Amino acid sequence: MSQIEPTVLTALTAAAKNAALHPATAVTLNATDVGSSMATAHRDALVAALFRRPSPVTKDRNKAGETLLAPPAPAQVEIWNLYADHVDAPFLRGHLHHLLLDAGHGHKRS
């Protein structure tokens, strides 16, 4: 498993601070040079997360007959998981956790 790339976390925190919406954060983050190829891979996975809309509540989704998005790649989910608890912006943290829940990552309640 990878480790958090400090340059990516710093760039993500800075991008989220000045943006009102996740897509605006994604655009700013995507334009930031984060250095190494590993850091770039992390940045790209987080940009994809910021553009991805979480699913509605499962019960509501089933009533509406909505089709699900294609599941994210396991490598993306792992990167989202790395950063989810370390982001300062509460809405962004919640967004990442919602995406992780959608992906079936983490604890399942009975």
Protein backbone atom coordinates (compact mmCIF):
# COMPACT_ATOMS: atom_id res chain seq x y z
CA MET A 1 0.00 0.00 0.00
CA SER A 2 1.15 3.52 -0.75
CA GLN A 3 1.76 6.27 1.74
CA ILE A 4 0.39 9.79 1.67
CA GLU A 5 2.39 12.09 -0.55
CA PRO A 6 2.90 15.29 1.49
CA THR A 7 2.96 17.50 -1.61
CA VAL A 8 -0.41 16.11 -2.69
CA LEU A 9 -1.98 16.58 0.74
CA THR A 10 -0.70 20.17 0.86
CA ALA A 11 -2.01 20.87 -2.66
CA LEU A 12 -5.38 19.26 -1.85
CA THR A 13 -5.74 21.29 1.35
CA ALA A 14 -4.87 24.53 -0.46
CA ALA A 15 -7.23 23.79 -3.36
CA ALA A 16 -10.13 22.94 -1.03
CA LYS A 17 -9.61 26.06 1.07
CA ASN A 18 -10.48 28.49 -1.71
CA ALA A 19 -13.11 26.48 -3.59
CA ALA A 20 -16.82 26.33 -2.89
CA LEU A 21 -17.48 23.18 -4.94
CA HIS A 22 -15.60 19.92 -5.45
CA PRO A 23 -15.17 20.43 -9.24
CA ALA A 24 -13.47 23.77 -8.57
CA THR A 25 -11.16 22.03 -6.11
CA ALA A 26 -10.45 19.38 -8.75
CA VAL A 27 -9.51 21.95 -11.38
CA THR A 28 -7.13 23.73 -9.00
CA LEU A 29 -5.60 20.48 -7.78
CA ASN A 30 -5.16 19.18 -11.32
CA ALA A 31 -3.22 22.31 -12.28
CA THR A 32 -0.79 21.87 -9.38
CA ASP A 33 2.61 20.30 -9.99
CA VAL A 34 3.10 17.78 -7.19
CA GLY A 35 6.43 16.33 -8.28
CA SER A 36 7.05 12.61 -8.62
CA SER A 37 5.08 10.15 -10.72
CA MET A 38 3.68 8.53 -7.56
CA ALA A 39 2.48 11.92 -6.32
CA THR A 40 0.96 12.61 -9.73
CA ALA A 41 -0.90 9.28 -9.59
CA HIS A 42 -2.28 10.22 -6.17
CA ARG A 43 -3.28 13.65 -7.41
CA ASP A 44 -5.04 12.17 -10.43
CA ALA A 45 -6.98 9.69 -8.28
CA LEU A 46 -8.11 12.52 -6.00
CA VAL A 47 -9.11 14.67 -8.98
CA ALA A 48 -11.23 11.74 -10.22
CA ALA A 49 -12.83 11.51 -6.76
CA LEU A 50 -13.66 15.20 -6.78
CA PHE A 51 -15.46 14.88 -10.11
CA ARG A 52 -17.29 11.70 -9.06
CA ARG A 53 -20.74 12.12 -7.57
CA PRO A 54 -21.58 9.86 -4.64
CA SER A 55 -24.65 7.69 -5.00
CA PRO A 56 -27.90 8.62 -3.29
CA VAL A 57 -29.01 6.53 -0.34
CA THR A 58 -29.33 2.91 -1.48
CA LYS A 59 -33.04 2.72 -0.69
CA ASP A 60 -33.77 5.84 -2.75
CA ARG A 61 -31.52 4.62 -5.57
CA ASN A 62 -33.39 1.31 -5.75
CA LYS A 63 -36.78 3.09 -5.85
CA ALA A 64 -35.66 5.35 -8.66
CA GLY A 65 -34.17 2.46 -10.63
CA GLU A 66 -30.93 4.36 -11.15
CA THR A 67 -28.01 2.63 -12.74
CA LEU A 68 -24.77 2.64 -10.83
CA LEU A 69 -21.56 4.20 -12.06
CA ALA A 70 -18.80 1.82 -13.00
CA PRO A 71 -16.91 0.94 -9.84
CA PRO A 72 -13.65 2.78 -9.31
CA ALA A 73 -10.38 0.93 -9.72
CA PRO A 74 -9.13 -0.66 -6.48
CA ALA A 75 -5.96 1.46 -6.68
CA GLN A 76 -8.09 4.63 -6.73
CA VAL A 77 -10.10 3.47 -3.72
CA GLU A 78 -6.90 2.83 -1.77
CA ILE A 79 -5.64 6.33 -2.55
CA TRP A 80 -8.98 7.87 -1.52
CA ASN A 81 -8.73 5.90 1.70
CA LEU A 82 -5.21 7.19 2.37
CA TYR A 83 -6.31 10.83 2.22
CA ALA A 84 -9.89 10.63 3.57
CA ASP A 85 -8.98 11.12 7.23
CA HIS A 86 -6.19 13.62 6.61
CA VAL A 87 -8.04 16.31 4.66
CA ASP A 88 -8.86 19.42 6.71
CA ALA A 89 -11.96 20.44 4.73
CA PRO A 90 -14.97 18.68 6.31
CA PHE A 91 -17.08 18.57 3.13
CA LEU A 92 -14.19 17.08 1.18
CA ARG A 93 -13.54 14.55 3.96
CA GLY A 94 -17.22 13.59 3.91
CA HIS A 95 -17.19 13.30 0.12
CA LEU A 96 -14.24 10.91 0.18
CA HIS A 97 -15.85 8.80 2.91
CA HIS A 98 -19.11 8.64 0.95
CA LEU A 99 -17.22 7.46 -2.13
CA LEU A 100 -15.45 4.84 -0.03
CA LEU A 101 -18.78 3.63 1.31
CA ASP A 102 -20.16 3.43 -2.24
CA ALA A 103 -17.13 1.39 -3.26
CA GLY A 104 -17.75 -1.06 -0.41
CA HIS A 105 -14.55 -0.08 1.33
CA GLY A 106 -14.32 -0.05 5.09
CA HIS A 107 -16.47 -1.45 7.85
CA LYS A 108 -19.81 -3.01 7.06
CA ARG A 109 -22.61 -2.82 9.58
CA SER A 110 -24.94 -5.74 10.02
